[in-house]
Amino acid sequence: ADITIMEEGSELIAKIRHYMLGEPTDHHLGALPQFTSCCPGWVRYAELYYPGILPNLSSARSPMMMAGPLAKTYGAKEIWHVNPEDMFVVAIMPCTGKKFEASRPEFTSASEYWKHHGRTANYPDLDTVLTTRDLARLFKKLNVDFNNVEPFTDADNPLAQYSGAGTIFGNTG
């Protein structure tokens, strides 16, 4: 969520500086007020029933849709040293709407990035999404004994540094 917060915040600041302070910009900015684009249910609702507010949606992707391409670009090359087309990236999310979001055809930026580096494969930014309920059922089916699972540490996480803002990212107010 830290990357999304930085993107949405930077986008909002650029809009305010342009529309309210008259600063020039080299690229198209959406309208104010700015609305989040992180909830696929909200985005789809706007697309279907209020297309007039689409210019107000942030151009920033949701944290999930930033994590997939990050894994298949930076992660593939710098962390795991694998071919991105050989990766199978799974997101674990609380909402079934995230399955729809990951299936949107416009989310192929990782393969588009690699096309500029000589690769030709087409693949989605995320390969599948499991809801927390799906994951719980999978753990039950596999008889996972959490008393015998080794603890996860920051040493296991290549992106261990974070602001903590992701903890409150989905809260209102």
Protein backbone atom coordinates (compact mmCIF):
# COMPACT_ATOMS: atom_id res chain seq x y z
CA ALA A 1 0.00 0.00 0.00
CA ASP A 2 2.97 2.33 0.51
CA ILE A 3 3.58 2.57 -3.24
CA THR A 4 -0.09 3.29 -3.92
CA ILE A 5 -0.16 5.96 -1.21
CA MET A 6 2.87 7.65 -2.75
CA GLU A 7 1.36 7.48 -6.25
CA GLU A 8 -2.07 8.77 -5.22
CA GLY A 9 -0.52 11.48 -3.06
CA SER A 10 1.86 12.63 -5.80
CA GLU A 11 -0.98 12.66 -8.30
CA LEU A 12 -3.18 14.73 -5.98
CA ILE A 13 -0.38 17.23 -5.29
CA ALA A 14 0.28 17.59 -9.04
CA LYS A 15 -3.43 18.23 -9.66
CA ILE A 16 -3.65 20.84 -6.90
CA ARG A 17 -0.50 22.58 -8.09
CA HIS A 18 -1.80 22.62 -11.66
CA TYR A 19 -5.46 23.50 -11.16
CA MET A 20 -5.19 25.77 -8.13
CA LEU A 21 -1.74 27.30 -8.52
CA GLY A 22 -1.55 27.31 -12.31
CA GLU A 23 1.65 25.29 -12.57
CA PRO A 24 2.16 23.82 -16.05
CA THR A 25 2.30 20.08 -16.59
CA ASP A 26 3.65 17.87 -19.36
CA HIS A 27 1.00 15.19 -19.01
CA HIS A 28 -2.77 14.90 -18.71
CA LEU A 29 -4.14 15.19 -15.20
CA GLY A 30 -7.56 13.94 -14.18
CA ALA A 31 -10.18 16.17 -12.62
CA LEU A 32 -10.61 17.23 -9.00
CA PRO A 33 -11.78 16.02 -6.58
CA GLN A 34 -9.71 12.88 -6.84
CA PHE A 35 -11.28 9.56 -5.90
CA THR A 36 -9.42 6.37 -5.12
CA SER A 37 -9.24 3.66 -7.75
CA CYS A 38 -8.23 0.85 -5.38
CA CYS A 39 -11.60 -0.84 -4.96
CA PRO A 40 -12.63 -2.83 -8.04
CA GLY A 41 -16.29 -2.75 -6.99
CA TRP A 42 -16.21 1.04 -6.76
CA VAL A 43 -14.40 1.38 -10.11
CA ARG A 44 -16.85 -0.93 -11.88
CA TYR A 45 -19.82 0.87 -10.30
CA ALA A 46 -18.47 4.19 -11.60
CA GLU A 47 -17.87 2.70 -15.05
CA LEU A 48 -21.42 1.37 -15.28
CA TYR A 49 -23.49 4.05 -13.56
CA TYR A 50 -21.43 7.25 -13.32
CA PRO A 51 -19.01 7.37 -16.26
CA GLY A 52 -18.85 11.14 -15.88
CA ILE A 53 -16.71 10.78 -12.75
CA LEU A 54 -14.13 8.47 -14.36
CA PRO A 55 -11.75 11.42 -14.95
CA ASN A 56 -11.81 11.94 -11.16
CA LEU A 57 -10.50 8.44 -10.43
CA SER A 58 -6.86 8.27 -9.51
CA SER A 59 -4.66 6.73 -12.18
CA ALA A 60 -2.82 4.82 -9.43
CA ARG A 61 -3.36 1.09 -9.33
CA SER A 62 -4.45 -0.75 -6.23
CA PRO A 63 -1.69 -2.15 -4.01
CA MET A 64 -2.45 -5.62 -5.37
CA MET A 65 -2.11 -4.51 -8.98
CA MET A 66 1.17 -2.75 -8.20
CA ALA A 67 2.58 -5.80 -6.42
CA GLY A 68 2.04 -8.19 -9.36
CA PRO A 69 4.07 -6.24 -11.93
CA LEU A 70 6.66 -5.41 -9.27
CA ALA A 71 7.13 -9.15 -8.69
CA LYS A 72 7.32 -9.92 -12.41
CA THR A 73 9.78 -7.11 -13.21
CA TYR A 74 12.05 -6.16 -10.30
CA GLY A 75 11.42 -9.38 -8.39
CA ALA A 76 12.05 -11.64 -11.38
CA LYS A 77 15.33 -9.94 -12.26
CA GLU A 78 16.80 -8.75 -8.96
CA ILE A 79 15.44 -11.05 -6.26
CA TRP A 80 14.53 -14.47 -7.64
CA HIS A 81 16.58 -14.45 -10.89
CA VAL A 82 13.87 -16.20 -12.92
CA ASN A 83 12.13 -15.61 -16.23
CA PRO A 84 9.01 -13.55 -15.53
CA GLU A 85 6.91 -15.71 -17.85
CA ASP A 86 7.77 -18.70 -15.64
CA MET A 87 6.40 -17.01 -12.52
CA PHE A 88 2.96 -17.69 -11.09
CA VAL A 89 1.98 -14.77 -8.88
CA VAL A 90 -0.87 -15.24 -6.39
CA ALA A 91 -2.53 -12.47 -4.39
CA ILE A 92 -4.36 -13.23 -1.17
CA MET A 93 -7.16 -10.72 -0.68
CA PRO A 94 -10.28 -10.39 1.49
CA CYS A 95 -12.65 -9.44 -1.34
CA THR A 96 -13.93 -11.46 -4.30
CA GLY A 97 -13.92 -8.24 -6.33
CA LYS A 98 -10.14 -8.50 -6.44
CA LYS A 99 -10.53 -11.60 -8.63
CA PHE A 100 -12.37 -9.46 -11.18
CA GLU A 101 -9.77 -6.70 -10.91
CA ALA A 102 -6.88 -9.07 -11.65
CA SER A 103 -8.73 -10.45 -14.69
CA ARG A 104 -9.05 -7.06 -16.40
CA PRO A 105 -7.29 -7.18 -19.78
CA GLU A 106 -5.47 -3.87 -19.26
CA PHE A 107 -3.35 -5.31 -16.45
CA THR A 108 -0.41 -6.66 -18.47
CA SER A 109 2.21 -4.01 -17.76
CA ALA A 110 4.89 -6.51 -16.69
CA SER A 111 4.83 -8.30 -20.05
CA GLU A 112 4.70 -4.91 -21.80
CA TYR A 113 7.79 -3.84 -19.83
CA TRP A 114 9.68 -6.98 -20.81
CA LYS A 115 8.73 -6.56 -24.50
CA HIS A 116 10.97 -3.47 -24.46
CA HIS A 117 13.77 -5.75 -23.26
CA GLY A 118 13.49 -8.38 -25.98
CA ARG A 119 10.90 -10.76 -24.50
CA THR A 120 7.71 -11.54 -26.39
CA ALA A 121 5.50 -13.53 -24.02
CA ASN A 122 2.10 -12.16 -23.00
CA TYR A 123 0.91 -12.81 -19.46
CA PRO A 124 -1.18 -11.10 -16.79
CA ASP A 125 0.33 -9.02 -14.01
CA LEU A 126 -1.29 -11.40 -11.51
CA ASP A 127 -2.02 -15.02 -12.28
CA THR A 128 -4.71 -15.66 -9.70
CA VAL A 129 -6.34 -14.26 -6.58
CA LEU A 130 -7.33 -16.31 -3.57
CA THR A 131 -9.74 -14.84 -1.07
CA THR A 132 -8.94 -15.33 2.58
CA ARG A 133 -11.80 -17.84 2.61
CA ASP A 134 -10.20 -19.72 -0.32
CA LEU A 135 -6.91 -19.79 1.56
CA ALA A 136 -8.52 -21.06 4.77
CA ARG A 137 -10.21 -23.86 2.82
CA LEU A 138 -6.93 -24.73 1.13
CA PHE A 139 -5.11 -24.88 4.46
CA LYS A 140 -7.85 -27.11 5.85
CA LYS A 141 -7.77 -29.41 2.81
CA LEU A 142 -3.97 -29.69 3.05
CA ASN A 143 -4.13 -30.26 6.82
CA VAL A 144 -1.70 -27.42 7.51
CA ASP A 145 -0.62 -27.55 11.15
CA PHE A 146 0.19 -23.97 12.11
CA ASN A 147 1.90 -25.13 15.30
CA ASN A 148 4.61 -26.64 13.09
CA VAL A 149 5.03 -23.81 10.59
CA GLU A 150 8.24 -21.81 10.88
CA PRO A 151 7.66 -18.15 11.72
CA PHE A 152 7.87 -15.61 8.90
CA THR A 153 10.50 -12.94 9.49
CA ASP A 154 11.56 -9.77 7.72
CA ALA A 155 14.60 -11.71 6.48
CA ASP A 156 12.12 -13.70 4.34
CA ASN A 157 10.68 -10.52 2.83
CA PRO A 158 12.66 -8.70 0.12
CA LEU A 159 10.52 -5.59 0.65
CA ALA A 160 10.61 -5.61 4.44
CA GLN A 161 10.90 -1.86 4.89
CA TYR A 162 7.57 -0.09 4.95
CA SER A 163 5.97 2.95 6.54
CA GLY A 164 3.18 1.14 8.36
CA ALA A 165 0.64 3.27 6.50
CA GLY A 166 -0.56 0.16 4.70
CA THR A 167 -2.05 -1.00 7.98
CA ILE A 168 -4.57 1.84 7.88
CA PHE A 169 -4.82 2.08 4.08
CA GLY A 170 -8.33 0.64 3.82
CA ASN A 171 -9.78 2.66 6.71
CA THR A 172 -12.12 5.56 6.15
CA GLY A 173 -12.00 9.04 7.58
